[in-house]
Amino acid sequence: ERVSFMAKVLVTMPDEFLNKVDGLADSERCSRSELIREALKNYMRRLSKQQLKNASRNAEILEDILS
């Protein structure tokens, strides 16, 4: 059985932004931490997809140069 531990992280943000985060968490019926975790996961997925697209485009450019 695998036990998963979570680390605590201190993040600073303007009060106005935090109020928006809390409002969104309330409307999504989740905790602030859960909302931020999901937002970061989505950001990382998008970034990975963009990096793959860039790598693919770079490979196409290199292939064109070498052809």
N, C-alpha and C. Protein backbone atom coordinates (compact mmCIF):
# COMPACT_ATOMS: atom_id res chain seq x y z
N GLU A 1 0.85 -1.18 0.00
CA GLU A 1 0.00 0.00 0.00
C GLU A 1 0.89 1.24 0.00
N ARG A 2 0.62 2.13 -0.92
CA ARG A 2 1.42 3.34 -1.05
C ARG A 2 0.76 4.49 -0.29
N VAL A 3 1.53 5.12 0.57
CA VAL A 3 1.03 6.26 1.34
C VAL A 3 1.54 7.53 0.69
N SER A 4 0.63 8.46 0.45
CA SER A 4 0.99 9.72 -0.19
C SER A 4 0.98 10.84 0.84
N PHE A 5 2.05 11.59 0.88
CA PHE A 5 2.14 12.72 1.79
C PHE A 5 2.05 14.01 0.99
N MET A 6 1.50 15.02 1.59
CA MET A 6 1.42 16.32 0.94
C MET A 6 2.24 17.31 1.74
N ALA A 7 3.00 18.10 1.01
CA ALA A 7 3.79 19.15 1.64
C ALA A 7 2.96 20.42 1.71
N LYS A 8 3.24 21.23 2.70
CA LYS A 8 2.59 22.53 2.81
C LYS A 8 3.50 23.56 2.15
N VAL A 9 2.89 24.47 1.41
CA VAL A 9 3.64 25.49 0.69
C VAL A 9 3.04 26.85 1.03
N LEU A 10 3.90 27.79 1.32
CA LEU A 10 3.45 29.15 1.61
C LEU A 10 3.51 29.94 0.31
N VAL A 11 2.38 30.51 -0.08
CA VAL A 11 2.30 31.30 -1.31
C VAL A 11 1.77 32.67 -0.95
N THR A 12 2.41 33.70 -1.47
CA THR A 12 1.93 35.06 -1.21
C THR A 12 1.21 35.59 -2.44
N MET A 13 0.10 36.26 -2.20
CA MET A 13 -0.68 36.87 -3.28
C MET A 13 -1.47 38.04 -2.72
N PRO A 14 -1.82 38.98 -3.58
CA PRO A 14 -2.61 40.12 -3.12
C PRO A 14 -3.96 39.67 -2.55
N ASP A 15 -4.43 40.39 -1.55
CA ASP A 15 -5.71 40.07 -0.91
C ASP A 15 -6.84 39.98 -1.92
N GLU A 16 -6.88 40.91 -2.85
CA GLU A 16 -7.96 40.93 -3.85
C GLU A 16 -7.97 39.65 -4.68
N PHE A 17 -6.78 39.19 -5.06
CA PHE A 17 -6.68 37.95 -5.84
C PHE A 17 -7.11 36.76 -4.99
N LEU A 18 -6.67 36.72 -3.74
CA LEU A 18 -7.04 35.64 -2.84
C LEU A 18 -8.56 35.58 -2.65
N ASN A 19 -9.19 36.74 -2.55
CA ASN A 19 -10.65 36.78 -2.43
C ASN A 19 -11.32 36.15 -3.65
N LYS A 20 -10.76 36.40 -4.84
CA LYS A 20 -11.30 35.79 -6.06
C LYS A 20 -11.10 34.27 -6.04
N VAL A 21 -9.92 33.84 -5.59
CA VAL A 21 -9.63 32.41 -5.48
C VAL A 21 -10.63 31.75 -4.53
N ASP A 22 -10.83 32.37 -3.38
CA ASP A 22 -11.76 31.81 -2.40
C ASP A 22 -13.20 31.78 -2.93
N GLY A 23 -13.59 32.83 -3.64
CA GLY A 23 -14.93 32.86 -4.23
C GLY A 23 -15.11 31.75 -5.24
N LEU A 24 -14.09 31.52 -6.06
CA LEU A 24 -14.16 30.45 -7.05
C LEU A 24 -14.19 29.08 -6.37
N ALA A 25 -13.38 28.91 -5.33
CA ALA A 25 -13.37 27.65 -4.59
C ALA A 25 -14.76 27.38 -3.99
N ASP A 26 -15.38 28.41 -3.44
CA ASP A 26 -16.72 28.26 -2.90
C ASP A 26 -17.71 27.85 -3.98
N SER A 27 -17.64 28.50 -5.13
CA SER A 27 -18.60 28.19 -6.20
C SER A 27 -18.35 26.80 -6.78
N GLU A 28 -17.10 26.33 -6.72
CA GLU A 28 -16.77 24.97 -7.20
C GLU A 28 -16.95 23.93 -6.10
N ARG A 29 -17.27 24.39 -4.91
CA ARG A 29 -17.46 23.52 -3.74
C ARG A 29 -16.22 22.65 -3.46
N CYS A 30 -15.07 23.34 -3.42
CA CYS A 30 -13.83 22.66 -3.08
C CYS A 30 -13.00 23.58 -2.20
N SER A 31 -11.93 23.05 -1.66
CA SER A 31 -11.07 23.88 -0.81
C SER A 31 -10.17 24.75 -1.67
N ARG A 32 -9.63 25.76 -1.05
CA ARG A 32 -8.67 26.64 -1.72
C ARG A 32 -7.49 25.81 -2.23
N SER A 33 -6.98 24.93 -1.39
CA SER A 33 -5.84 24.09 -1.78
C SER A 33 -6.17 23.21 -2.98
N GLU A 34 -7.34 22.62 -2.96
CA GLU A 34 -7.76 21.75 -4.07
C GLU A 34 -7.86 22.55 -5.37
N LEU A 35 -8.44 23.73 -5.29
CA LEU A 35 -8.57 24.58 -6.48
C LEU A 35 -7.20 24.95 -7.05
N ILE A 36 -6.28 25.34 -6.18
CA ILE A 36 -4.94 25.74 -6.63
C ILE A 36 -4.20 24.54 -7.21
N ARG A 37 -4.31 23.37 -6.57
CA ARG A 37 -3.67 22.15 -7.11
C ARG A 37 -4.18 21.85 -8.51
N GLU A 38 -5.50 21.88 -8.69
CA GLU A 38 -6.08 21.58 -10.00
C GLU A 38 -5.67 22.61 -11.05
N ALA A 39 -5.63 23.88 -10.64
CA ALA A 39 -5.22 24.93 -11.57
C ALA A 39 -3.78 24.71 -12.03
N LEU A 40 -2.90 24.34 -11.10
CA LEU A 40 -1.51 24.10 -11.46
C LEU A 40 -1.36 22.85 -12.32
N LYS A 41 -2.13 21.81 -12.03
CA LYS A 41 -2.09 20.60 -12.87
C LYS A 41 -2.50 20.93 -14.30
N ASN A 42 -3.57 21.70 -14.44
CA ASN A 42 -4.03 22.09 -15.78
C ASN A 42 -2.99 22.95 -16.49
N TYR A 43 -2.37 23.86 -15.77
CA TYR A 43 -1.33 24.70 -16.35
C TYR A 43 -0.16 23.85 -16.84
N MET A 44 0.25 22.88 -16.01
CA MET A 44 1.37 22.02 -16.37
C MET A 44 1.04 21.13 -17.58
N ARG A 45 -0.20 20.65 -17.65
CA ARG A 45 -0.63 19.85 -18.81
C ARG A 45 -0.58 20.69 -20.08
N ARG A 46 -1.10 21.92 -20.00
CA ARG A 46 -1.09 22.82 -21.16
C ARG A 46 0.33 23.13 -21.58
N LEU A 47 1.19 23.38 -20.63
CA LEU A 47 2.58 23.68 -20.91
C LEU A 47 3.25 22.49 -21.59
N SER A 48 3.00 21.29 -21.09
CA SER A 48 3.58 20.08 -21.69
C SER A 48 3.10 19.91 -23.12
N LYS A 49 1.81 20.13 -23.37
CA LYS A 49 1.28 20.01 -24.72
C LYS A 49 1.93 21.03 -25.64
N GLN A 50 2.12 22.25 -25.14
CA GLN A 50 2.75 23.30 -25.95
C GLN A 50 4.20 22.94 -26.24
N GLN A 51 4.89 22.39 -25.25
CA GLN A 51 6.28 21.99 -25.46
C GLN A 51 6.37 20.88 -26.50
N LEU A 52 5.42 19.94 -26.47
CA LEU A 52 5.40 18.87 -27.48
C LEU A 52 5.16 19.44 -28.86
N LYS A 53 4.22 20.41 -28.96
CA LYS A 53 3.96 21.05 -30.25
C LYS A 53 5.21 21.76 -30.75
N ASN A 54 5.89 22.47 -29.86
CA ASN A 54 7.11 23.19 -30.24
C ASN A 54 8.19 22.22 -30.68
N ALA A 55 8.34 21.10 -29.96
CA ALA A 55 9.35 20.11 -30.32
C ALA A 55 9.03 19.52 -31.68
N SER A 56 7.75 19.25 -31.91
CA SER A 56 7.33 18.70 -33.20
C SER A 56 7.60 19.69 -34.32
N ARG A 57 7.30 20.95 -34.07
CA ARG A 57 7.54 22.00 -35.07
C ARG A 57 9.03 22.15 -35.34
N ASN A 58 9.85 22.09 -34.29
CA ASN A 58 11.29 22.18 -34.45
C ASN A 58 11.82 21.00 -35.27
N ALA A 59 11.27 19.81 -35.05
CA ALA A 59 11.67 18.63 -35.81
C ALA A 59 11.32 18.81 -37.28
N GLU A 60 10.14 19.38 -37.56
CA GLU A 60 9.74 19.64 -38.95
C GLU A 60 10.69 20.62 -39.62
N ILE A 61 11.05 21.68 -38.91
CA ILE A 61 11.96 22.68 -39.46
C ILE A 61 13.32 22.04 -39.75
N LEU A 62 13.81 21.24 -38.79
CA LEU A 62 15.10 20.56 -39.00
C LEU A 62 15.03 19.60 -40.17
N GLU A 63 13.94 18.89 -40.29
CA GLU A 63 13.77 17.96 -41.41
C GLU A 63 13.79 18.72 -42.74
N ASP A 64 13.11 19.86 -42.78
CA ASP A 64 13.11 20.69 -44.00
C ASP A 64 14.51 21.16 -44.34
N ILE A 65 15.26 21.56 -43.32
CA ILE A 65 16.63 22.05 -43.55
C ILE A 65 17.51 20.93 -44.08
N LEU A 66 17.35 19.74 -43.52
CA LEU A 66 18.21 18.61 -43.88
C LEU A 66 17.80 17.92 -45.18
N SER A 67 16.61 18.23 -45.68
CA SER A 67 16.13 17.58 -46.90
C SER A 67 16.74 18.18 -48.14
